[in-house]
């Protein structure tokens, strides 16, 4: 908050969307008629599930949410039996896993390991419990962590991990943030580990804006809920959602959608614990999200520059969304 809210323009990292309500609202967004990315990515996952899972012994999903889209991969992954993963530390900030460790004497064989990672505790553990019941042969070990600040090796056997970062979330980073994120990922992965990266493709701006400004107002509520999350987390006076409206715009120069909260009247917000205040004139905005859209192979050069070997890039039949599968060098 100190770094972003008092910048010009003020910004708030997207992680502030995701309390329990925000996570549930985003799950609703993925089902909206206007929001094509989830359906397009699901098409790729269904058609390429065996290729994506490969010979992985551990699947780690960053920003797992409800894990709904991942089930098509878990259907493939959960059917196998693997050598037990080498004991590896969980990322910093992790809570104790929900799944039990393999019992003594289980060295010969172990169930496949799925590690959903998310910052929304309630949603994460609800999803983990549901998966453990749905896939009896699967070990599910949820980790509560900020996916942009993982520290230490990921759970699972080095070289046998499949790390998933789906939904086009990589587009929520600025150029510098994306470079830092890829460097961080490379630092917590090992040679032979694979990364499955979902990304949205450039298309008609009208379709893009509609996907972030649906007719039912679900995305607007998702955006405004961020102000409620801030108010509950940081002492604030004068921060009232009724003083703002949701806005989604296409920034052609940066090839990205931007989500804003625009002040509908002059606003003064005081943060006593931060020792700061912020005044917003009517029409001024808080930028809450960027969503970069890529050309089909634009990410491959970036990934290669961060220690990932080039691999296949798949798109859905309509060419709306892409998924790259790369290997740690």
C-alpha atoms as a PDB file:
ATOM      1  CA  UNK A   1       0.000   0.000   0.000  1.00  0.00           C
ATOM      2  CA  UNK A   2       2.817   2.421   0.809  1.00  0.00           C
ATOM      3  CA  UNK A   3       4.471   1.716  -2.517  1.00  0.00           C
ATOM      4  CA  UNK A   4       1.439   1.739  -4.791  1.00  0.00           C
ATOM      5  CA  UNK A   5      -1.453   3.705  -3.346  1.00  0.00           C
ATOM      6  CA  UNK A   6       0.576   6.898  -3.102  1.00  0.00           C
ATOM      7  CA  UNK A   7       2.042   6.642  -6.594  1.00  0.00           C
ATOM      8  CA  UNK A   8       0.716   8.577  -9.569  1.00  0.00           C
ATOM      9  CA  UNK A   9      -1.630   7.044 -10.551  1.00  0.00           C
ATOM     10  CA  UNK A  10      -2.367   5.103  -7.387  1.00  0.00           C
ATOM     11  CA  UNK A  11      -2.201   1.333  -7.877  1.00  0.00           C
ATOM     12  CA  UNK A  12      -3.033  -1.704  -5.760  1.00  0.00           C
ATOM     13  CA  UNK A  13      -1.626  -5.198  -6.472  1.00  0.00           C
ATOM     14  CA  UNK A  14      -4.264  -7.702  -7.680  1.00  0.00           C
ATOM     15  CA  UNK A  15      -3.636  -9.943  -4.641  1.00  0.00           C
ATOM     16  CA  UNK A  16      -5.896  -7.507  -2.738  1.00  0.00           C
ATOM     17  CA  UNK A  17      -8.872  -8.837  -4.727  1.00  0.00           C
ATOM     18  CA  UNK A  18      -8.714 -12.227  -3.059  1.00  0.00           C
ATOM     19  CA  UNK A  19     -10.449 -12.543   0.228  1.00  0.00           C
ATOM     20  CA  UNK A  20     -13.016 -15.350   0.305  1.00  0.00           C
ATOM     21  CA  UNK A  21     -15.700 -13.182  -1.321  1.00  0.00           C
ATOM     22  CA  UNK A  22     -13.291 -12.015  -4.006  1.00  0.00           C
ATOM     23  CA  UNK A  23     -12.265 -15.584  -4.811  1.00  0.00           C
ATOM     24  CA  UNK A  24     -15.896 -16.632  -5.158  1.00  0.00           C
ATOM     25  CA  UNK A  25     -16.659 -13.618  -7.342  1.00  0.00           C
ATOM     26  CA  UNK A  26     -13.764 -14.461  -9.631  1.00  0.00           C
ATOM     27  CA  UNK A  27     -15.064 -18.004  -9.915  1.00  0.00           C
ATOM     28  CA  UNK A  28     -18.375 -16.484 -11.097  1.00  0.00           C
ATOM     29  CA  UNK A  29     -16.519 -14.297 -13.590  1.00  0.00           C
ATOM     30  CA  UNK A  30     -14.965 -17.364 -15.208  1.00  0.00           C
ATOM     31  CA  UNK A  31     -18.475 -18.632 -16.017  1.00  0.00           C
ATOM     32  CA  UNK A  32     -19.756 -15.414 -17.618  1.00  0.00           C
ATOM     33  CA  UNK A  33     -20.672 -15.390 -21.298  1.00  0.00           C
ATOM     34  CA  UNK A  34     -18.305 -12.462 -21.945  1.00  0.00           C
ATOM     35  CA  UNK A  35     -15.322 -14.032 -20.193  1.00  0.00           C
ATOM     36  CA  UNK A  36     -13.867 -16.343 -22.853  1.00  0.00           C
ATOM     37  CA  UNK A  37     -10.359 -17.084 -21.354  1.00  0.00           C
ATOM     38  CA  UNK A  38     -11.495 -19.852 -18.991  1.00  0.00           C
ATOM     39  CA  UNK A  39     -13.440 -21.716 -21.672  1.00  0.00           C
ATOM     40  CA  UNK A  40     -10.650 -21.325 -24.231  1.00  0.00           C
ATOM     41  CA  UNK A  41      -7.985 -22.514 -21.795  1.00  0.00           C
ATOM     42  CA  UNK A  42     -10.195 -25.438 -20.707  1.00  0.00           C
ATOM     43  CA  UNK A  43     -10.402 -26.500 -24.359  1.00  0.00           C
ATOM     44  CA  UNK A  44      -6.607 -26.610 -24.559  1.00  0.00           C
ATOM     45  CA  UNK A  45      -6.327 -28.514 -21.279  1.00  0.00           C
ATOM     46  CA  UNK A  46      -8.861 -31.118 -22.402  1.00  0.00           C
ATOM     47  CA  UNK A  47      -7.194 -31.711 -25.751  1.00  0.00           C
ATOM     48  CA  UNK A  48      -3.613 -31.717 -24.420  1.00  0.00           C
ATOM     49  CA  UNK A  49      -3.978 -33.166 -20.912  1.00  0.00           C
ATOM     50  CA  UNK A  50      -1.749 -36.206 -21.501  1.00  0.00           C
ATOM     51  CA  UNK A  51       0.961 -34.079 -23.153  1.00  0.00           C
ATOM     52  CA  UNK A  52       0.844 -31.484 -20.372  1.00  0.00           C
ATOM     53  CA  UNK A  53       0.974 -33.971 -17.478  1.00  0.00           C
ATOM     54  CA  UNK A  54       3.712 -36.032 -19.144  1.00  0.00           C
ATOM     55  CA  UNK A  55       5.723 -37.982 -16.587  1.00  0.00           C
ATOM     56  CA  UNK A  56       5.303 -35.499 -13.724  1.00  0.00           C
ATOM     57  CA  UNK A  57       5.438 -36.882 -10.198  1.00  0.00           C
ATOM     58  CA  UNK A  58       4.268 -33.620  -8.600  1.00  0.00           C
ATOM     59  CA  UNK A  59       1.864 -30.962  -9.855  1.00  0.00           C
ATOM     60  CA  UNK A  60       2.099 -27.485  -8.328  1.00  0.00           C
ATOM     61  CA  UNK A  61      -0.621 -24.990  -9.268  1.00  0.00           C
ATOM     62  CA  UNK A  62       0.068 -21.330  -8.537  1.00  0.00           C
ATOM     63  CA  UNK A  63      -3.056 -19.289  -7.844  1.00  0.00           C
ATOM     64  CA  UNK A  64      -5.112 -22.450  -7.683  1.00  0.00           C
ATOM     65  CA  UNK A  65      -8.430 -20.941  -6.527  1.00  0.00           C
ATOM     66  CA  UNK A  66     -11.171 -23.564  -6.851  1.00  0.00           C
ATOM     67  CA  UNK A  67      -8.872 -25.873  -8.886  1.00  0.00           C
ATOM     68  CA  UNK A  68     -11.792 -26.483 -11.233  1.00  0.00           C
ATOM     69  CA  UNK A  69      -9.862 -26.056 -14.481  1.00  0.00           C
ATOM     70  CA  UNK A  70      -7.120 -28.351 -13.191  1.00  0.00           C
ATOM     71  CA  UNK A  71      -9.395 -31.350 -12.743  1.00  0.00           C
ATOM     72  CA  UNK A  72      -8.990 -32.430 -16.363  1.00  0.00           C
ATOM     73  CA  UNK A  73      -5.251 -32.727 -15.669  1.00  0.00           C
ATOM     74  CA  UNK A  74      -5.810 -34.369 -12.289  1.00  0.00           C
ATOM     75  CA  UNK A  75      -7.953 -37.018 -14.007  1.00  0.00           C
ATOM     76  CA  UNK A  76      -4.783 -38.068 -15.863  1.00  0.00           C
ATOM     77  CA  UNK A  77      -2.295 -37.342 -13.098  1.00  0.00           C
ATOM     78  CA  UNK A  78      -4.115 -39.107 -10.252  1.00  0.00           C
ATOM     79  CA  UNK A  79      -4.141 -42.466 -12.043  1.00  0.00           C
ATOM     80  CA  UNK A  80      -0.403 -42.968 -11.719  1.00  0.00           C
ATOM     81  CA  UNK A  81       1.800 -44.241  -8.901  1.00  0.00           C
ATOM     82  CA  UNK A  82       5.219 -42.721  -8.497  1.00  0.00           C
ATOM     83  CA  UNK A  83       8.354 -42.916  -6.446  1.00  0.00           C
ATOM     84  CA  UNK A  84       7.962 -40.817  -3.292  1.00  0.00           C
ATOM     85  CA  UNK A  85       9.023 -37.183  -3.692  1.00  0.00           C
ATOM     86  CA  UNK A  86      12.201 -36.145  -1.967  1.00  0.00           C
ATOM     87  CA  UNK A  87      11.364 -34.133   1.142  1.00  0.00           C
ATOM     88  CA  UNK A  88      11.498 -30.511   0.101  1.00  0.00           C
ATOM     89  CA  UNK A  89      10.696 -27.368   2.007  1.00  0.00           C
ATOM     90  CA  UNK A  90       7.424 -25.570   1.351  1.00  0.00           C
ATOM     91  CA  UNK A  91       7.570 -21.937   0.217  1.00  0.00           C
ATOM     92  CA  UNK A  92       7.994 -19.247   2.838  1.00  0.00           C
ATOM     93  CA  UNK A  93       4.716 -18.276   4.467  1.00  0.00           C
ATOM     94  CA  UNK A  94       3.244 -21.743   3.989  1.00  0.00           C
ATOM     95  CA  UNK A  95       0.917 -23.323   6.512  1.00  0.00           C
ATOM     96  CA  UNK A  96       0.980 -26.983   7.470  1.00  0.00           C
ATOM     97  CA  UNK A  97      -0.248 -29.145   4.584  1.00  0.00           C
ATOM     98  CA  UNK A  98      -3.687 -30.691   4.734  1.00  0.00           C
ATOM     99  CA  UNK A  99      -2.505 -34.050   3.359  1.00  0.00           C
ATOM    100  CA  UNK A 100      -0.672 -36.540   5.529  1.00  0.00           C
ATOM    101  CA  UNK A 101       2.894 -37.606   4.820  1.00  0.00           C
ATOM    102  CA  UNK A 102       3.407 -41.130   3.407  1.00  0.00           C
ATOM    103  CA  UNK A 103       3.359 -43.731   6.175  1.00  0.00           C
ATOM    104  CA  UNK A 104       6.494 -45.522   7.300  1.00  0.00           C
ATOM    105  CA  UNK A 105       7.417 -48.295   4.912  1.00  0.00           C
ATOM    106  CA  UNK A 106       5.839 -46.552   1.918  1.00  0.00           C
ATOM    107  CA  UNK A 107       9.223 -45.914   0.287  1.00  0.00           C
ATOM    108  CA  UNK A 108       8.563 -48.234  -2.630  1.00  0.00           C
ATOM    109  CA  UNK A 109       5.586 -46.362  -4.015  1.00  0.00           C
ATOM    110  CA  UNK A 110       3.706 -43.170  -3.232  1.00  0.00           C
ATOM    111  CA  UNK A 111       0.606 -41.480  -4.528  1.00  0.00           C
ATOM    112  CA  UNK A 112       1.051 -38.550  -6.905  1.00  0.00           C
ATOM    113  CA  UNK A 113       1.333 -35.201  -5.131  1.00  0.00           C
ATOM    114  CA  UNK A 114      -0.756 -32.130  -5.957  1.00  0.00           C
ATOM    115  CA  UNK A 115       0.232 -28.818  -4.346  1.00  0.00           C
ATOM    116  CA  UNK A 116      -2.297 -26.001  -4.825  1.00  0.00           C
ATOM    117  CA  UNK A 117      -0.844 -22.603  -3.872  1.00  0.00           C
ATOM    118  CA  UNK A 118      -3.028 -19.577  -3.173  1.00  0.00           C
ATOM    119  CA  UNK A 119      -3.236 -16.518  -0.941  1.00  0.00           C
ATOM    120  CA  UNK A 120      -6.946 -17.041  -0.151  1.00  0.00           C
ATOM    121  CA  UNK A 121      -6.883 -19.421   2.815  1.00  0.00           C
ATOM    122  CA  UNK A 122     -10.595 -20.314   2.971  1.00  0.00           C
ATOM    123  CA  UNK A 123     -10.922 -21.030  -0.738  1.00  0.00           C
ATOM    124  CA  UNK A 124      -7.653 -22.988  -0.808  1.00  0.00           C
ATOM    125  CA  UNK A 125      -8.502 -25.380   2.020  1.00  0.00           C
ATOM    126  CA  UNK A 126     -12.087 -25.858   0.830  1.00  0.00           C
ATOM    127  CA  UNK A 127     -10.720 -26.815  -2.594  1.00  0.00           C
ATOM    128  CA  UNK A 128      -8.081 -29.122  -1.094  1.00  0.00           C
ATOM    129  CA  UNK A 129     -10.665 -31.000   0.967  1.00  0.00           C
ATOM    130  CA  UNK A 130     -12.904 -31.408  -2.077  1.00  0.00           C
ATOM    131  CA  UNK A 131     -10.036 -32.750  -4.188  1.00  0.00           C
ATOM    132  CA  UNK A 132      -8.895 -35.178  -1.502  1.00  0.00           C
ATOM    133  CA  UNK A 133     -12.411 -36.637  -1.449  1.00  0.00           C
ATOM    134  CA  UNK A 134     -12.756 -36.633  -5.233  1.00  0.00           C
ATOM    135  CA  UNK A 135      -9.360 -38.260  -5.912  1.00  0.00           C
ATOM    136  CA  UNK A 136      -8.694 -40.855  -3.171  1.00  0.00           C
ATOM    137  CA  UNK A 137      -5.345 -41.866  -4.674  1.00  0.00           C
ATOM    138  CA  UNK A 138      -4.040 -38.286  -4.742  1.00  0.00           C
ATOM    139  CA  UNK A 139      -2.060 -36.577  -1.998  1.00  0.00           C
ATOM    140  CA  UNK A 140      -3.177 -32.953  -1.748  1.00  0.00           C
ATOM    141  CA  UNK A 141      -0.927 -30.572   0.202  1.00  0.00           C
ATOM    142  CA  UNK A 142      -2.198 -26.982   0.019  1.00  0.00           C
ATOM    143  CA  UNK A 143       0.196 -24.100   0.600  1.00  0.00           C
ATOM    144  CA  UNK A 144      -0.904 -20.595   1.588  1.00  0.00           C
ATOM    145  CA  UNK A 145       1.587 -18.202   0.021  1.00  0.00           C
ATOM    146  CA  UNK A 146       2.007 -15.127  -2.133  1.00  0.00           C
ATOM    147  CA  UNK A 147       2.834 -16.692  -5.492  1.00  0.00           C
ATOM    148  CA  UNK A 148       5.056 -13.727  -6.378  1.00  0.00           C
ATOM    149  CA  UNK A 149       7.315 -14.301  -3.364  1.00  0.00           C
ATOM    150  CA  UNK A 150       8.011 -18.029  -3.129  1.00  0.00           C
ATOM    151  CA  UNK A 151      11.221 -18.851  -1.300  1.00  0.00           C
ATOM    152  CA  UNK A 152      13.081 -22.144  -1.287  1.00  0.00           C
ATOM    153  CA  UNK A 153      12.520 -25.281  -3.336  1.00  0.00           C
ATOM    154  CA  UNK A 154       8.987 -26.285  -4.252  1.00  0.00           C
ATOM    155  CA  UNK A 155       7.531 -29.467  -2.750  1.00  0.00           C
ATOM    156  CA  UNK A 156       8.131 -32.619  -4.725  1.00  0.00           C
ATOM    157  CA  UNK A 157      10.927 -34.443  -6.484  1.00  0.00           C
ATOM    158  CA  UNK A 158      13.414 -32.178  -8.312  1.00  0.00           C
ATOM    159  CA  UNK A 159      13.069 -32.647 -12.049  1.00  0.00           C
ATOM    160  CA  UNK A 160       9.670 -34.313 -11.676  1.00  0.00           C
ATOM    161  CA  UNK A 161       7.548 -31.233 -11.050  1.00  0.00           C
ATOM    162  CA  UNK A 162       4.961 -29.711 -13.333  1.00  0.00           C
ATOM    163  CA  UNK A 163       4.289 -26.115 -12.245  1.00  0.00           C
ATOM    164  CA  UNK A 164       1.052 -24.629 -13.582  1.00  0.00           C
ATOM    165  CA  UNK A 165       0.376 -20.920 -13.859  1.00  0.00           C
ATOM    166  CA  UNK A 166      -2.924 -20.768 -15.691  1.00  0.00           C
ATOM    167  CA  UNK A 167      -5.691 -18.303 -16.472  1.00  0.00           C
ATOM    168  CA  UNK A 168      -3.538 -15.669 -18.159  1.00  0.00           C
ATOM    169  CA  UNK A 169      -2.434 -14.323 -14.775  1.00  0.00           C
ATOM    170  CA  UNK A 170       1.066 -13.753 -16.175  1.00  0.00           C
ATOM    171  CA  UNK A 171      -0.494 -10.794 -17.988  1.00  0.00           C
ATOM    172  CA  UNK A 172      -1.218  -9.089 -14.660  1.00  0.00           C
ATOM    173  CA  UNK A 173       2.450  -8.195 -14.271  1.00  0.00           C
ATOM    174  CA  UNK A 174       4.229  -5.181 -15.697  1.00  0.00           C
ATOM    175  CA  UNK A 175       7.261  -5.928 -17.869  1.00  0.00           C
ATOM    176  CA  UNK A 176       9.619  -5.539 -14.889  1.00  0.00           C
ATOM    177  CA  UNK A 177       7.356  -7.538 -12.571  1.00  0.00           C
ATOM    178  CA  UNK A 178       7.076 -10.339 -15.116  1.00  0.00           C
ATOM    179  CA  UNK A 179      10.872 -10.533 -15.399  1.00  0.00           C
ATOM    180  CA  UNK A 180      11.183 -10.700 -11.602  1.00  0.00           C
ATOM    181  CA  UNK A 181       8.468 -13.361 -11.407  1.00  0.00           C
ATOM    182  CA  UNK A 182      10.152 -15.583 -14.015  1.00  0.00           C
ATOM    183  CA  UNK A 183      13.497 -15.191 -12.241  1.00  0.00           C
ATOM    184  CA  UNK A 184      11.844 -16.181  -8.958  1.00  0.00           C
ATOM    185  CA  UNK A 185      10.211 -19.234 -10.559  1.00  0.00           C
ATOM    186  CA  UNK A 186      13.498 -20.349 -12.056  1.00  0.00           C
ATOM    187  CA  UNK A 187      15.063 -20.003  -8.604  1.00  0.00           C
ATOM    188  CA  UNK A 188      12.579 -22.349  -6.886  1.00  0.00           C
ATOM    189  CA  UNK A 189      12.475 -24.928  -9.713  1.00  0.00           C
ATOM    190  CA  UNK A 190      15.093 -27.499 -10.724  1.00  0.00           C
ATOM    191  CA  UNK A 191      16.468 -28.658 -14.091  1.00  0.00           C
ATOM    192  CA  UNK A 192      13.931 -30.930 -15.751  1.00  0.00           C
ATOM    193  CA  UNK A 193      10.946 -29.342 -13.995  1.00  0.00           C
ATOM    194  CA  UNK A 194       8.322 -28.083 -16.437  1.00  0.00           C
ATOM    195  CA  UNK A 195       6.208 -24.933 -16.468  1.00  0.00           C
ATOM    196  CA  UNK A 196       2.746 -24.753 -18.044  1.00  0.00           C
ATOM    197  CA  UNK A 197       1.919 -21.095 -18.644  1.00  0.00           C
ATOM    198  CA  UNK A 198      -1.479 -19.855 -19.832  1.00  0.00           C
ATOM    199  CA  UNK A 199      -1.662 -16.492 -21.609  1.00  0.00           C
ATOM    200  CA  UNK A 200      -4.326 -14.450 -23.359  1.00  0.00           C
ATOM    201  CA  UNK A 201      -3.900 -13.420 -26.997  1.00  0.00           C
ATOM    202  CA  UNK A 202      -4.419 -10.059 -28.673  1.00  0.00           C
ATOM    203  CA  UNK A 203      -7.860  -9.716 -30.284  1.00  0.00           C
ATOM    204  CA  UNK A 204     -10.675  -7.250 -30.982  1.00  0.00           C
ATOM    205  CA  UNK A 205     -10.549  -4.596 -28.209  1.00  0.00           C
ATOM    206  CA  UNK A 206     -14.346  -4.616 -27.924  1.00  0.00           C
ATOM    207  CA  UNK A 207     -14.281  -8.294 -26.929  1.00  0.00           C
ATOM    208  CA  UNK A 208     -11.492  -7.631 -24.475  1.00  0.00           C
ATOM    209  CA  UNK A 209     -13.296  -4.753 -22.769  1.00  0.00           C
ATOM    210  CA  UNK A 210     -16.536  -6.758 -22.560  1.00  0.00           C
ATOM    211  CA  UNK A 211     -14.671  -9.603 -20.834  1.00  0.00           C
ATOM    212  CA  UNK A 212     -13.695  -7.187 -18.032  1.00  0.00           C
ATOM    213  CA  UNK A 213     -16.962  -5.239 -17.880  1.00  0.00           C
ATOM    214  CA  UNK A 214     -19.755  -7.814 -18.050  1.00  0.00           C
ATOM    215  CA  UNK A 215     -23.398  -6.865 -18.397  1.00  0.00           C
ATOM    216  CA  UNK A 216     -24.334  -8.462 -15.051  1.00  0.00           C
ATOM    217  CA  UNK A 217     -21.853  -6.322 -13.097  1.00  0.00           C
ATOM    218  CA  UNK A 218     -19.998  -9.261 -11.534  1.00  0.00           C
ATOM    219  CA  UNK A 219     -16.588  -7.864 -12.510  1.00  0.00           C
ATOM    220  CA  UNK A 220     -17.593  -4.448 -11.162  1.00  0.00           C
ATOM    221  CA  UNK A 221     -18.461  -6.031  -7.805  1.00  0.00           C
ATOM    222  CA  UNK A 222     -15.180  -7.971  -7.868  1.00  0.00           C
ATOM    223  CA  UNK A 223     -13.276  -4.722  -8.419  1.00  0.00           C
ATOM    224  CA  UNK A 224     -15.167  -2.738  -5.762  1.00  0.00           C
ATOM    225  CA  UNK A 225     -14.730  -5.562  -3.248  1.00  0.00           C
ATOM    226  CA  UNK A 226     -11.020  -4.710  -3.225  1.00  0.00           C
ATOM    227  CA  UNK A 227     -11.866  -1.530  -1.287  1.00  0.00           C
ATOM    228  CA  UNK A 228     -13.619  -3.642   1.357  1.00  0.00           C
ATOM    229  CA  UNK A 229     -10.548  -5.898   1.609  1.00  0.00           C
ATOM    230  CA  UNK A 230      -8.298  -2.860   2.068  1.00  0.00           C
ATOM    231  CA  UNK A 231     -10.599  -1.389   4.740  1.00  0.00           C
ATOM    232  CA  UNK A 232     -10.553  -4.642   6.728  1.00  0.00           C
ATOM    233  CA  UNK A 233      -6.794  -5.060   6.423  1.00  0.00           C
ATOM    234  CA  UNK A 234      -5.422  -1.532   6.850  1.00  0.00           C
ATOM    235  CA  UNK A 235      -6.990   1.056   9.129  1.00  0.00           C
ATOM    236  CA  UNK A 236      -8.590   3.583   6.795  1.00  0.00           C
ATOM    237  CA  UNK A 237     -10.953   6.540   7.098  1.00  0.00           C
ATOM    238  CA  UNK A 238     -12.868   7.887   4.106  1.00  0.00           C
ATOM    239  CA  UNK A 239     -12.433   4.770   1.931  1.00  0.00           C
ATOM    240  CA  UNK A 240     -15.989   3.995   0.818  1.00  0.00           C
ATOM    241  CA  UNK A 241     -16.931   1.858  -2.211  1.00  0.00           C
ATOM    242  CA  UNK A 242     -19.947   4.141  -2.810  1.00  0.00           C
ATOM    243  CA  UNK A 243     -17.514   6.863  -3.865  1.00  0.00           C
ATOM    244  CA  UNK A 244     -16.161   4.813  -6.792  1.00  0.00           C
ATOM    245  CA  UNK A 245     -17.282   3.134 -10.013  1.00  0.00           C
ATOM    246  CA  UNK A 246     -15.703   0.299 -11.980  1.00  0.00           C
ATOM    247  CA  UNK A 247     -14.040   0.964 -15.341  1.00  0.00           C
ATOM    248  CA  UNK A 248     -12.258  -1.290 -17.863  1.00  0.00           C
ATOM    249  CA  UNK A 249     -10.297   0.246 -20.763  1.00  0.00           C
ATOM    250  CA  UNK A 250      -8.034  -1.022 -23.549  1.00  0.00           C
ATOM    251  CA  UNK A 251      -4.528   0.494 -23.567  1.00  0.00           C
ATOM    252  CA  UNK A 252      -3.401  -0.176 -27.146  1.00  0.00           C
ATOM    253  CA  UNK A 253       0.107   1.208 -26.611  1.00  0.00           C
ATOM    254  CA  UNK A 254       0.809  -1.276 -23.799  1.00  0.00           C
ATOM    255  CA  UNK A 255      -1.331  -4.074 -25.339  1.00  0.00           C
ATOM    256  CA  UNK A 256      -3.294  -4.507 -22.143  1.00  0.00           C
ATOM    257  CA  UNK A 257      -6.666  -4.132 -20.474  1.00  0.00           C
ATOM    258  CA  UNK A 258      -6.630  -1.877 -17.415  1.00  0.00           C
ATOM    259  CA  UNK A 259      -9.178  -2.000 -14.599  1.00  0.00           C
ATOM    260  CA  UNK A 260      -9.774   1.171 -12.605  1.00  0.00           C
ATOM    261  CA  UNK A 261     -11.869   2.399  -9.736  1.00  0.00           C
ATOM    262  CA  UNK A 262     -12.900   5.970 -10.657  1.00  0.00           C
ATOM    263  CA  UNK A 263     -13.885   8.485  -7.987  1.00  0.00           C
ATOM    264  CA  UNK A 264     -17.389   9.825  -8.594  1.00  0.00           C
ATOM    265  CA  UNK A 265     -16.798  12.702  -6.147  1.00  0.00           C
ATOM    266  CA  UNK A 266     -13.806  14.300  -4.432  1.00  0.00           C
ATOM    267  CA  UNK A 267     -12.422  11.841  -1.860  1.00  0.00           C
ATOM    268  CA  UNK A 268      -9.933  12.120   1.017  1.00  0.00           C
ATOM    269  CA  UNK A 269      -8.644   8.847   2.443  1.00  0.00           C
ATOM    270  CA  UNK A 270      -6.592   8.678   5.661  1.00  0.00           C
ATOM    271  CA  UNK A 271      -4.427   5.699   6.633  1.00  0.00           C
ATOM    272  CA  UNK A 272      -3.447   6.327  10.288  1.00  0.00           C
ATOM    273  CA  UNK A 273      -1.218   3.247  10.627  1.00  0.00           C
ATOM    274  CA  UNK A 274       0.663   4.200   7.446  1.00  0.00           C
ATOM    275  CA  UNK A 275       0.869   7.830   8.473  1.00  0.00           C
ATOM    276  CA  UNK A 276      -0.362   8.837   5.018  1.00  0.00           C
ATOM    277  CA  UNK A 277      -3.361  10.460   3.371  1.00  0.00           C
ATOM    278  CA  UNK A 278      -4.504  10.539  -0.239  1.00  0.00           C
ATOM    279  CA  UNK A 279      -6.878  12.940  -1.970  1.00  0.00           C
ATOM    280  CA  UNK A 280      -8.571  11.920  -5.213  1.00  0.00           C
ATOM    281  CA  UNK A 281     -10.462  14.477  -7.274  1.00  0.00           C
ATOM    282  CA  UNK A 282     -13.656  13.467  -9.026  1.00  0.00           C
ATOM    283  CA  UNK A 283     -12.707  11.387 -12.108  1.00  0.00           C
ATOM    284  CA  UNK A 284      -9.330  10.354 -10.697  1.00  0.00           C
ATOM    285  CA  UNK A 285      -8.690   6.623 -10.645  1.00  0.00           C
ATOM    286  CA  UNK A 286      -7.030   3.801  -8.727  1.00  0.00           C
ATOM    287  CA  UNK A 287      -5.585   1.231 -11.132  1.00  0.00           C
ATOM    288  CA  UNK A 288      -6.390  -2.191  -9.716  1.00  0.00           C
ATOM    289  CA  UNK A 289      -5.330  -4.549 -12.504  1.00  0.00           C
ATOM    290  CA  UNK A 290      -3.509  -4.759 -15.803  1.00  0.00           C
ATOM    291  CA  UNK A 291      -4.093  -7.700 -18.145  1.00  0.00           C
ATOM    292  CA  UNK A 292      -1.470  -7.876 -20.885  1.00  0.00           C
ATOM    293  CA  UNK A 293      -2.427  -9.636 -24.121  1.00  0.00           C
ATOM    294  CA  UNK A 294       0.315 -11.383 -26.108  1.00  0.00           C
ATOM    295  CA  UNK A 295       1.105 -12.391 -29.660  1.00  0.00           C
ATOM    296  CA  UNK A 296       1.309 -16.229 -29.917  1.00  0.00           C
ATOM    297  CA  UNK A 297       5.098 -16.626 -29.493  1.00  0.00           C
ATOM    298  CA  UNK A 298       5.949 -13.367 -27.746  1.00  0.00           C
ATOM    299  CA  UNK A 299       6.511 -15.054 -24.385  1.00  0.00           C
ATOM    300  CA  UNK A 300       8.911 -17.692 -25.679  1.00  0.00           C
ATOM    301  CA  UNK A 301      11.855 -15.321 -26.074  1.00  0.00           C
ATOM    302  CA  UNK A 302      11.222 -13.985 -22.572  1.00  0.00           C
ATOM    303  CA  UNK A 303      11.080 -17.473 -21.097  1.00  0.00           C
ATOM    304  CA  UNK A 304      14.274 -18.482 -22.880  1.00  0.00           C
ATOM    305  CA  UNK A 305      15.979 -15.468 -21.343  1.00  0.00           C
ATOM    306  CA  UNK A 306      15.099 -16.691 -17.854  1.00  0.00           C
ATOM    307  CA  UNK A 307      16.436 -20.240 -18.112  1.00  0.00           C
ATOM    308  CA  UNK A 308      13.500 -22.084 -19.707  1.00  0.00           C
ATOM    309  CA  UNK A 309      13.941 -24.204 -22.824  1.00  0.00           C
ATOM    310  CA  UNK A 310      11.492 -23.561 -25.656  1.00  0.00           C
ATOM    311  CA  UNK A 311       8.612 -26.010 -25.939  1.00  0.00           C
ATOM    312  CA  UNK A 312       5.218 -26.343 -27.601  1.00  0.00           C
ATOM    313  CA  UNK A 313       2.671 -23.525 -27.675  1.00  0.00           C
ATOM    314  CA  UNK A 314      -0.959 -24.585 -28.095  1.00  0.00           C
ATOM    315  CA  UNK A 315      -4.044 -22.455 -28.756  1.00  0.00           C
ATOM    316  CA  UNK A 316      -7.759 -23.178 -28.704  1.00  0.00           C
ATOM    317  CA  UNK A 317      -9.491 -23.639 -32.063  1.00  0.00           C
ATOM    318  CA  UNK A 318     -10.625 -19.991 -32.158  1.00  0.00           C
ATOM    319  CA  UNK A 319      -7.111 -18.714 -31.439  1.00  0.00           C
ATOM    320  CA  UNK A 320      -8.265 -16.768 -28.384  1.00  0.00           C
ATOM    321  CA  UNK A 321      -5.879 -18.165 -25.766  1.00  0.00           C
ATOM    322  CA  UNK A 322      -2.478 -19.848 -25.577  1.00  0.00           C
ATOM    323  CA  UNK A 323      -0.641 -22.317 -23.358  1.00  0.00           C
ATOM    324  CA  UNK A 324       3.132 -22.719 -23.418  1.00  0.00           C
ATOM    325  CA  UNK A 325       4.934 -25.734 -21.947  1.00  0.00           C
ATOM    326  CA  UNK A 326       8.612 -25.129 -21.212  1.00  0.00           C
ATOM    327  CA  UNK A 327      11.352 -26.972 -19.310  1.00  0.00           C
ATOM    328  CA  UNK A 328      13.903 -25.636 -16.830  1.00  0.00           C
ATOM    329  CA  UNK A 329      17.332 -25.750 -18.467  1.00  0.00           C
END
